[in-house]
Amino acid sequence: MAEAHQARVQNVVEEMVQSLERHHIRKMQGRMFKCSAECCDSSTDSMSQVHQCIERCHTPLATAQGLVTSELEKFQDRLTRCTMHCNDKAKDLFDSGAKEQAVRSLMDRCVGSCVDDHVNLIPSMTRRLKENLDSIQQ
């Protein structure tokens, strides 16, 4: 993927991840640490009970991180498939005897279209992630 296209996708995804981190993940981290600290306050619980309590505190955050990671992997996979389709089209054009400049032009337009399509998916992906993060039991 051309550097400009790659940078564009990267910037948009980074903005989304930072927003999710600031408004959702960070709050979950705070609750996790407070919960974990409370687990350690009980002097009557066994070591095993304290560890289980801490595990329970970590579960919502681990679930949230898994959701975000999974969604980003799906997004990346779809973008990769789209750009691979562009590569195939460019190879077919080159194999048919087209000049290198025409192949480059096709590739740039095709990848640009992939990027546009996938950048347009970010708002719905963000909305879906926010809804899923909000539904995680604390």
N, C-alpha and C. Protein backbone atom coordinates (compact mmCIF):
# COMPACT_ATOMS: atom_id res chain seq x y z
N MET A 1 0.86 -1.17 0.00
CA MET A 1 0.00 0.00 0.00
C MET A 1 0.90 1.23 0.00
N ALA A 2 0.56 2.21 -0.79
CA ALA A 2 1.36 3.42 -0.86
C ALA A 2 1.43 4.07 0.52
N GLU A 3 2.55 4.73 0.78
CA GLU A 3 2.78 5.30 2.11
C GLU A 3 1.70 6.27 2.54
N ALA A 4 1.24 7.13 1.63
CA ALA A 4 0.22 8.12 1.98
C ALA A 4 -1.08 7.44 2.38
N HIS A 5 -1.45 6.40 1.63
CA HIS A 5 -2.67 5.66 1.95
C HIS A 5 -2.53 4.96 3.30
N GLN A 6 -1.39 4.37 3.51
CA GLN A 6 -1.14 3.65 4.76
C GLN A 6 -1.17 4.61 5.94
N ALA A 7 -0.55 5.77 5.78
CA ALA A 7 -0.53 6.76 6.86
C ALA A 7 -1.95 7.25 7.17
N ARG A 8 -2.76 7.41 6.14
CA ARG A 8 -4.14 7.87 6.34
C ARG A 8 -4.93 6.87 7.18
N VAL A 9 -4.85 5.61 6.82
CA VAL A 9 -5.56 4.58 7.58
C VAL A 9 -5.03 4.52 9.00
N GLN A 10 -3.73 4.55 9.13
CA GLN A 10 -3.10 4.46 10.45
C GLN A 10 -3.54 5.61 11.34
N ASN A 11 -3.59 6.81 10.80
CA ASN A 11 -4.00 7.98 11.60
C ASN A 11 -5.44 7.87 12.07
N VAL A 12 -6.32 7.45 11.18
CA VAL A 12 -7.73 7.34 11.54
C VAL A 12 -7.94 6.25 12.59
N VAL A 13 -7.29 5.12 12.42
CA VAL A 13 -7.42 4.03 13.38
C VAL A 13 -6.81 4.44 14.72
N GLU A 14 -5.68 5.11 14.68
CA GLU A 14 -5.04 5.57 15.91
C GLU A 14 -5.93 6.53 16.68
N GLU A 15 -6.58 7.46 15.97
CA GLU A 15 -7.50 8.39 16.62
C GLU A 15 -8.64 7.64 17.30
N MET A 16 -9.17 6.63 16.61
CA MET A 16 -10.26 5.85 17.17
C MET A 16 -9.81 5.12 18.44
N VAL A 17 -8.66 4.47 18.37
CA VAL A 17 -8.15 3.71 19.51
C VAL A 17 -7.87 4.64 20.69
N GLN A 18 -7.29 5.81 20.42
CA GLN A 18 -7.02 6.76 21.50
C GLN A 18 -8.30 7.25 22.15
N SER A 19 -9.32 7.48 21.36
CA SER A 19 -10.61 7.91 21.89
C SER A 19 -11.23 6.82 22.77
N LEU A 20 -11.19 5.58 22.28
CA LEU A 20 -11.71 4.46 23.07
C LEU A 20 -10.93 4.31 24.37
N GLU A 21 -9.62 4.47 24.28
CA GLU A 21 -8.77 4.34 25.47
C GLU A 21 -9.12 5.42 26.49
N ARG A 22 -9.24 6.65 26.03
CA ARG A 22 -9.53 7.78 26.94
C ARG A 22 -10.90 7.67 27.59
N HIS A 23 -11.89 7.30 26.81
CA HIS A 23 -13.27 7.37 27.30
C HIS A 23 -13.82 6.05 27.84
N HIS A 24 -13.16 4.95 27.57
CA HIS A 24 -13.69 3.66 28.02
C HIS A 24 -12.64 2.82 28.75
N ILE A 25 -11.56 2.53 28.06
CA ILE A 25 -10.55 1.61 28.62
C ILE A 25 -9.91 2.17 29.89
N ARG A 26 -9.58 3.45 29.88
CA ARG A 26 -8.91 4.06 31.04
C ARG A 26 -9.80 3.98 32.28
N LYS A 27 -11.10 4.21 32.11
CA LYS A 27 -12.03 4.10 33.24
C LYS A 27 -12.07 2.66 33.75
N MET A 28 -12.05 1.73 32.81
CA MET A 28 -12.05 0.31 33.21
C MET A 28 -10.77 -0.04 33.95
N GLN A 29 -9.65 0.53 33.51
CA GLN A 29 -8.38 0.26 34.20
C GLN A 29 -8.44 0.79 35.63
N GLY A 30 -8.99 1.97 35.80
CA GLY A 30 -9.12 2.54 37.14
C GLY A 30 -9.96 1.65 38.04
N ARG A 31 -11.10 1.18 37.52
CA ARG A 31 -11.96 0.29 38.30
C ARG A 31 -11.24 -1.02 38.62
N MET A 32 -10.47 -1.52 37.66
CA MET A 32 -9.74 -2.77 37.87
C MET A 32 -8.72 -2.62 39.00
N PHE A 33 -7.97 -1.52 38.97
CA PHE A 33 -6.96 -1.33 40.01
C PHE A 33 -7.60 -1.13 41.39
N LYS A 34 -8.70 -0.38 41.45
CA LYS A 34 -9.39 -0.17 42.72
C LYS A 34 -9.93 -1.50 43.24
N CYS A 35 -10.54 -2.25 42.36
CA CYS A 35 -11.08 -3.56 42.73
C CYS A 35 -9.97 -4.47 43.22
N SER A 36 -8.85 -4.48 42.51
CA SER A 36 -7.72 -5.34 42.90
C SER A 36 -7.17 -4.94 44.26
N ALA A 37 -7.10 -3.63 44.50
CA ALA A 37 -6.61 -3.16 45.79
C ALA A 37 -7.55 -3.61 46.91
N GLU A 38 -8.85 -3.55 46.65
CA GLU A 38 -9.83 -3.99 47.66
C GLU A 38 -9.67 -5.48 47.95
N CYS A 39 -9.30 -6.25 46.94
CA CYS A 39 -9.08 -7.69 47.16
C CYS A 39 -7.97 -7.91 48.19
N CYS A 40 -7.00 -7.04 48.17
CA CYS A 40 -5.84 -7.19 49.06
C CYS A 40 -6.12 -6.66 50.46
N ASP A 41 -7.25 -5.97 50.65
CA ASP A 41 -7.57 -5.40 51.96
C ASP A 41 -8.01 -6.44 52.97
N SER A 42 -8.54 -7.56 52.50
CA SER A 42 -9.06 -8.57 53.42
C SER A 42 -7.91 -9.40 53.99
N SER A 43 -7.75 -9.31 55.28
CA SER A 43 -6.67 -10.08 55.92
C SER A 43 -7.12 -11.51 56.25
N THR A 44 -8.41 -11.79 56.10
CA THR A 44 -8.89 -13.14 56.44
C THR A 44 -8.94 -14.07 55.23
N ASP A 45 -8.91 -13.51 54.02
CA ASP A 45 -8.97 -14.35 52.82
C ASP A 45 -7.64 -15.07 52.62
N SER A 46 -7.72 -16.24 52.04
CA SER A 46 -6.51 -17.00 51.73
C SER A 46 -5.83 -16.37 50.50
N MET A 47 -4.61 -16.77 50.29
CA MET A 47 -3.88 -16.27 49.12
C MET A 47 -4.63 -16.63 47.84
N SER A 48 -5.18 -17.82 47.79
CA SER A 48 -5.92 -18.27 46.63
C SER A 48 -7.17 -17.41 46.41
N GLN A 49 -7.87 -17.10 47.48
CA GLN A 49 -9.06 -16.25 47.37
C GLN A 49 -8.72 -14.85 46.87
N VAL A 50 -7.60 -14.32 47.35
CA VAL A 50 -7.17 -12.99 46.91
C VAL A 50 -6.83 -13.03 45.42
N HIS A 51 -6.13 -14.07 44.98
CA HIS A 51 -5.77 -14.19 43.56
C HIS A 51 -7.01 -14.34 42.68
N GLN A 52 -7.98 -15.11 43.16
CA GLN A 52 -9.23 -15.25 42.40
C GLN A 52 -9.98 -13.93 42.32
N CYS A 53 -9.98 -13.21 43.42
CA CYS A 53 -10.63 -11.90 43.44
C CYS A 53 -9.96 -10.96 42.44
N ILE A 54 -8.65 -10.94 42.42
CA ILE A 54 -7.91 -10.08 41.49
C ILE A 54 -8.19 -10.49 40.06
N GLU A 55 -8.25 -11.80 39.80
CA GLU A 55 -8.59 -12.29 38.46
C GLU A 55 -9.94 -11.78 38.02
N ARG A 56 -10.92 -11.83 38.92
CA ARG A 56 -12.27 -11.33 38.61
C ARG A 56 -12.21 -9.84 38.27
N CYS A 57 -11.37 -9.12 38.96
CA CYS A 57 -11.23 -7.67 38.71
C CYS A 57 -10.64 -7.41 37.33
N HIS A 58 -9.76 -8.27 36.88
CA HIS A 58 -9.08 -8.09 35.60
C HIS A 58 -9.92 -8.54 34.41
N THR A 59 -10.89 -9.39 34.65
CA THR A 59 -11.67 -9.98 33.56
C THR A 59 -12.35 -8.95 32.65
N PRO A 60 -13.05 -7.94 33.19
CA PRO A 60 -13.70 -6.98 32.28
C PRO A 60 -12.71 -6.26 31.36
N LEU A 61 -11.58 -5.86 31.89
CA LEU A 61 -10.58 -5.16 31.07
C LEU A 61 -10.01 -6.09 30.01
N ALA A 62 -9.73 -7.33 30.39
CA ALA A 62 -9.22 -8.31 29.41
C ALA A 62 -10.24 -8.54 28.31
N THR A 63 -11.51 -8.61 28.68
CA THR A 63 -12.58 -8.78 27.70
C THR A 63 -12.62 -7.58 26.76
N ALA A 64 -12.53 -6.39 27.32
CA ALA A 64 -12.56 -5.16 26.51
C ALA A 64 -11.38 -5.12 25.55
N GLN A 65 -10.20 -5.43 26.04
CA GLN A 65 -9.02 -5.42 25.18
C GLN A 65 -9.14 -6.46 24.07
N GLY A 66 -9.72 -7.61 24.41
CA GLY A 66 -9.94 -8.64 23.41
C GLY A 66 -10.91 -8.19 22.32
N LEU A 67 -11.96 -7.49 22.72
CA LEU A 67 -12.93 -6.96 21.75
C LEU A 67 -12.28 -5.99 20.78
N VAL A 68 -11.51 -5.07 21.32
CA VAL A 68 -10.85 -4.07 20.48
C VAL A 68 -9.85 -4.75 19.55
N THR A 69 -9.06 -5.65 20.09
CA THR A 69 -8.07 -6.35 19.27
C THR A 69 -8.74 -7.15 18.16
N SER A 70 -9.80 -7.85 18.48
CA SER A 70 -10.51 -8.65 17.49
C SER A 70 -11.09 -7.77 16.38
N GLU A 71 -11.68 -6.67 16.76
CA GLU A 71 -12.28 -5.77 15.77
C GLU A 71 -11.20 -5.18 14.86
N LEU A 72 -10.07 -4.81 15.44
CA LEU A 72 -8.96 -4.26 14.63
C LEU A 72 -8.38 -5.31 13.70
N GLU A 73 -8.29 -6.55 14.17
CA GLU A 73 -7.78 -7.63 13.32
C GLU A 73 -8.71 -7.87 12.13
N LYS A 74 -10.02 -7.87 12.39
CA LYS A 74 -10.99 -8.04 11.30
C LYS A 74 -10.87 -6.91 10.28
N PHE A 75 -10.74 -5.69 10.79
CA PHE A 75 -10.59 -4.52 9.93
C PHE A 75 -9.33 -4.66 9.07
N GLN A 76 -8.23 -5.03 9.70
CA GLN A 76 -6.96 -5.20 8.98
C GLN A 76 -7.05 -6.31 7.94
N ASP A 77 -7.69 -7.40 8.30
CA ASP A 77 -7.86 -8.52 7.36
C ASP A 77 -8.65 -8.09 6.13
N ARG A 78 -9.73 -7.35 6.35
CA ARG A 78 -10.55 -6.88 5.23
C ARG A 78 -9.75 -5.93 4.34
N LEU A 79 -9.00 -5.04 4.95
CA LEU A 79 -8.20 -4.09 4.18
C LEU A 79 -7.12 -4.83 3.39
N THR A 80 -6.51 -5.81 4.01
CA THR A 80 -5.49 -6.62 3.34
C THR A 80 -6.07 -7.36 2.15
N ARG A 81 -7.25 -7.95 2.33
CA ARG A 81 -7.90 -8.65 1.21
C ARG A 81 -8.19 -7.69 0.06
N CYS A 82 -8.62 -6.49 0.39
CA CYS A 82 -8.92 -5.50 -0.64
C CYS A 82 -7.66 -5.13 -1.41
N THR A 83 -6.57 -4.89 -0.69
CA THR A 83 -5.32 -4.52 -1.37
C THR A 83 -4.74 -5.70 -2.15
N MET A 84 -4.97 -6.92 -1.69
CA MET A 84 -4.52 -8.09 -2.45
C MET A 84 -5.30 -8.19 -3.76
N HIS A 85 -6.57 -7.85 -3.72
CA HIS A 85 -7.38 -7.82 -4.94
C HIS A 85 -6.78 -6.78 -5.91
N CYS A 86 -6.35 -5.64 -5.37
CA CYS A 86 -5.70 -4.62 -6.21
C CYS A 86 -4.42 -5.17 -6.84
N ASN A 87 -3.64 -5.89 -6.05
CA ASN A 87 -2.41 -6.50 -6.57
C ASN A 87 -2.73 -7.46 -7.72
N ASP A 88 -3.77 -8.25 -7.54
CA ASP A 88 -4.17 -9.19 -8.59
C ASP A 88 -4.57 -8.46 -9.87
N LYS A 89 -5.35 -7.39 -9.71
CA LYS A 89 -5.77 -6.61 -10.87
C LYS A 89 -4.56 -6.00 -11.58
N ALA A 90 -3.62 -5.49 -10.78
CA ALA A 90 -2.42 -4.88 -11.36
C ALA A 90 -1.58 -5.93 -12.08
N LYS A 91 -1.44 -7.10 -11.48
CA LYS A 91 -0.67 -8.17 -12.12
C LYS A 91 -1.33 -8.59 -13.43
N ASP A 92 -2.65 -8.73 -13.42
CA ASP A 92 -3.38 -9.10 -14.65
C ASP A 92 -3.17 -8.04 -15.73
N LEU A 93 -3.22 -6.79 -15.34
CA LEU A 93 -3.02 -5.71 -16.31
C LEU A 93 -1.59 -5.75 -16.86
N PHE A 94 -0.63 -5.95 -15.97
CA PHE A 94 0.78 -6.01 -16.39
C PHE A 94 1.00 -7.19 -17.33
N ASP A 95 0.41 -8.36 -16.96
CA ASP A 95 0.55 -9.56 -17.78
C ASP A 95 -0.08 -9.39 -19.16
N SER A 96 -1.06 -8.50 -19.26
CA SER A 96 -1.71 -8.29 -20.56
C SER A 96 -0.91 -7.34 -21.44
N GLY A 97 0.22 -6.87 -20.92
CA GLY A 97 1.11 -6.05 -21.73
C GLY A 97 1.02 -4.56 -21.48
N ALA A 98 0.29 -4.17 -20.44
CA ALA A 98 0.17 -2.74 -20.13
C ALA A 98 1.51 -2.18 -19.66
N LYS A 99 1.68 -0.90 -19.88
CA LYS A 99 2.91 -0.24 -19.45
C LYS A 99 2.93 -0.08 -17.93
N GLU A 100 4.13 0.00 -17.41
CA GLU A 100 4.30 0.08 -15.96
C GLU A 100 3.55 1.27 -15.36
N GLN A 101 3.57 2.39 -16.03
CA GLN A 101 2.88 3.58 -15.52
C GLN A 101 1.38 3.35 -15.39
N ALA A 102 0.78 2.65 -16.35
CA ALA A 102 -0.65 2.35 -16.29
C ALA A 102 -0.95 1.41 -15.12
N VAL A 103 -0.05 0.46 -14.89
CA VAL A 103 -0.23 -0.48 -13.78
C VAL A 103 -0.14 0.26 -12.45
N ARG A 104 0.85 1.15 -12.34
CA ARG A 104 1.00 1.93 -11.10
C ARG A 104 -0.23 2.79 -10.85
N SER A 105 -0.73 3.40 -11.90
CA SER A 105 -1.90 4.27 -11.78
C SER A 105 -3.12 3.47 -11.31
N LEU A 106 -3.32 2.31 -11.92
CA LEU A 106 -4.42 1.44 -11.51
C LEU A 106 -4.26 1.05 -10.05
N MET A 107 -3.07 0.66 -9.68
CA MET A 107 -2.81 0.21 -8.32
C MET A 107 -3.10 1.34 -7.33
N ASP A 108 -2.65 2.54 -7.63
CA ASP A 108 -2.86 3.67 -6.73
C ASP A 108 -4.36 3.98 -6.58
N ARG A 109 -5.08 3.98 -7.69
CA ARG A 109 -6.53 4.24 -7.63
C ARG A 109 -7.24 3.16 -6.85
N CYS A 110 -6.88 1.92 -7.11
CA CYS A 110 -7.53 0.79 -6.45
C CYS A 110 -7.27 0.81 -4.95
N VAL A 111 -6.02 0.98 -4.57
CA VAL A 111 -5.69 1.02 -3.14
C VAL A 111 -6.35 2.24 -2.48
N GLY A 112 -6.37 3.36 -3.19
CA GLY A 112 -7.04 4.54 -2.67
C GLY A 112 -8.51 4.27 -2.40
N SER A 113 -9.14 3.52 -3.30
CA SER A 113 -10.54 3.16 -3.12
C SER A 113 -10.72 2.24 -1.90
N CYS A 114 -9.80 1.29 -1.74
CA CYS A 114 -9.83 0.41 -0.56
C CYS A 114 -9.75 1.23 0.72
N VAL A 115 -8.82 2.17 0.73
CA VAL A 115 -8.62 3.01 1.91
C VAL A 115 -9.88 3.83 2.18
N ASP A 116 -10.43 4.44 1.14
CA ASP A 116 -11.65 5.24 1.32
C ASP A 116 -12.77 4.39 1.91
N ASP A 117 -12.97 3.22 1.33
CA ASP A 117 -14.03 2.33 1.80
C ASP A 117 -13.84 1.95 3.27
N HIS A 118 -12.60 1.66 3.64
CA HIS A 118 -12.34 1.20 5.00
C HIS A 118 -12.33 2.34 6.01
N VAL A 119 -11.87 3.50 5.60
CA VAL A 119 -11.94 4.67 6.49
C VAL A 119 -13.42 4.99 6.77
N ASN A 120 -14.26 4.80 5.77
CA ASN A 120 -15.69 5.05 5.96
C ASN A 120 -16.34 4.05 6.91
N LEU A 121 -15.69 2.91 7.15
CA LEU A 121 -16.20 1.92 8.09
C LEU A 121 -15.88 2.26 9.55
N ILE A 122 -14.92 3.15 9.75
CA ILE A 122 -14.45 3.46 11.11
C ILE A 122 -15.57 3.97 12.03
N PRO A 123 -16.42 4.90 11.59
CA PRO A 123 -17.47 5.38 12.52
C PRO A 123 -18.40 4.27 13.01
N SER A 124 -18.81 3.38 12.13
CA SER A 124 -19.69 2.29 12.58
C SER A 124 -18.93 1.30 13.46
N MET A 125 -17.66 1.06 13.15
CA MET A 125 -16.86 0.17 13.98
C MET A 125 -16.68 0.80 15.37
N THR A 126 -16.45 2.11 15.42
CA THR A 126 -16.29 2.80 16.69
C THR A 126 -17.57 2.71 17.51
N ARG A 127 -18.69 2.96 16.87
CA ARG A 127 -19.99 2.90 17.55
C ARG A 127 -20.22 1.49 18.11
N ARG A 128 -19.95 0.48 17.32
CA ARG A 128 -20.13 -0.91 17.75
C ARG A 128 -19.20 -1.23 18.94
N LEU A 129 -17.97 -0.78 18.85
CA LEU A 129 -17.03 -1.03 19.95
C LEU A 129 -17.48 -0.33 21.23
N LYS A 130 -17.93 0.92 21.11
CA LYS A 130 -18.40 1.65 22.30
C LYS A 130 -19.58 0.94 22.95
N GLU A 131 -20.52 0.49 22.13
CA GLU A 131 -21.68 -0.24 22.66
C GLU A 131 -21.23 -1.52 23.36
N ASN A 132 -20.32 -2.25 22.74
CA ASN A 132 -19.83 -3.49 23.35
C ASN A 132 -19.04 -3.22 24.63
N LEU A 133 -18.24 -2.18 24.63
CA LEU A 133 -17.47 -1.85 25.83
C LEU A 133 -18.39 -1.42 26.97
N ASP A 134 -19.44 -0.66 26.63
CA ASP A 134 -20.39 -0.22 27.64
C ASP A 134 -21.18 -1.38 28.23
N SER A 135 -21.32 -2.46 27.47
CA SER A 135 -22.13 -3.59 27.94
C SER A 135 -21.34 -4.58 28.79
N ILE A 136 -20.04 -4.40 28.91
CA ILE A 136 -19.21 -5.32 29.71
C ILE A 136 -19.51 -5.09 31.18
N GLN A 137 -19.82 -6.18 31.87
CA GLN A 137 -20.12 -6.10 33.31
C GLN A 137 -18.85 -5.81 34.09
N GLN A 138 -18.95 -4.84 34.97
CA GLN A 138 -17.79 -4.47 35.81
C GLN A 138 -17.80 -5.23 37.11
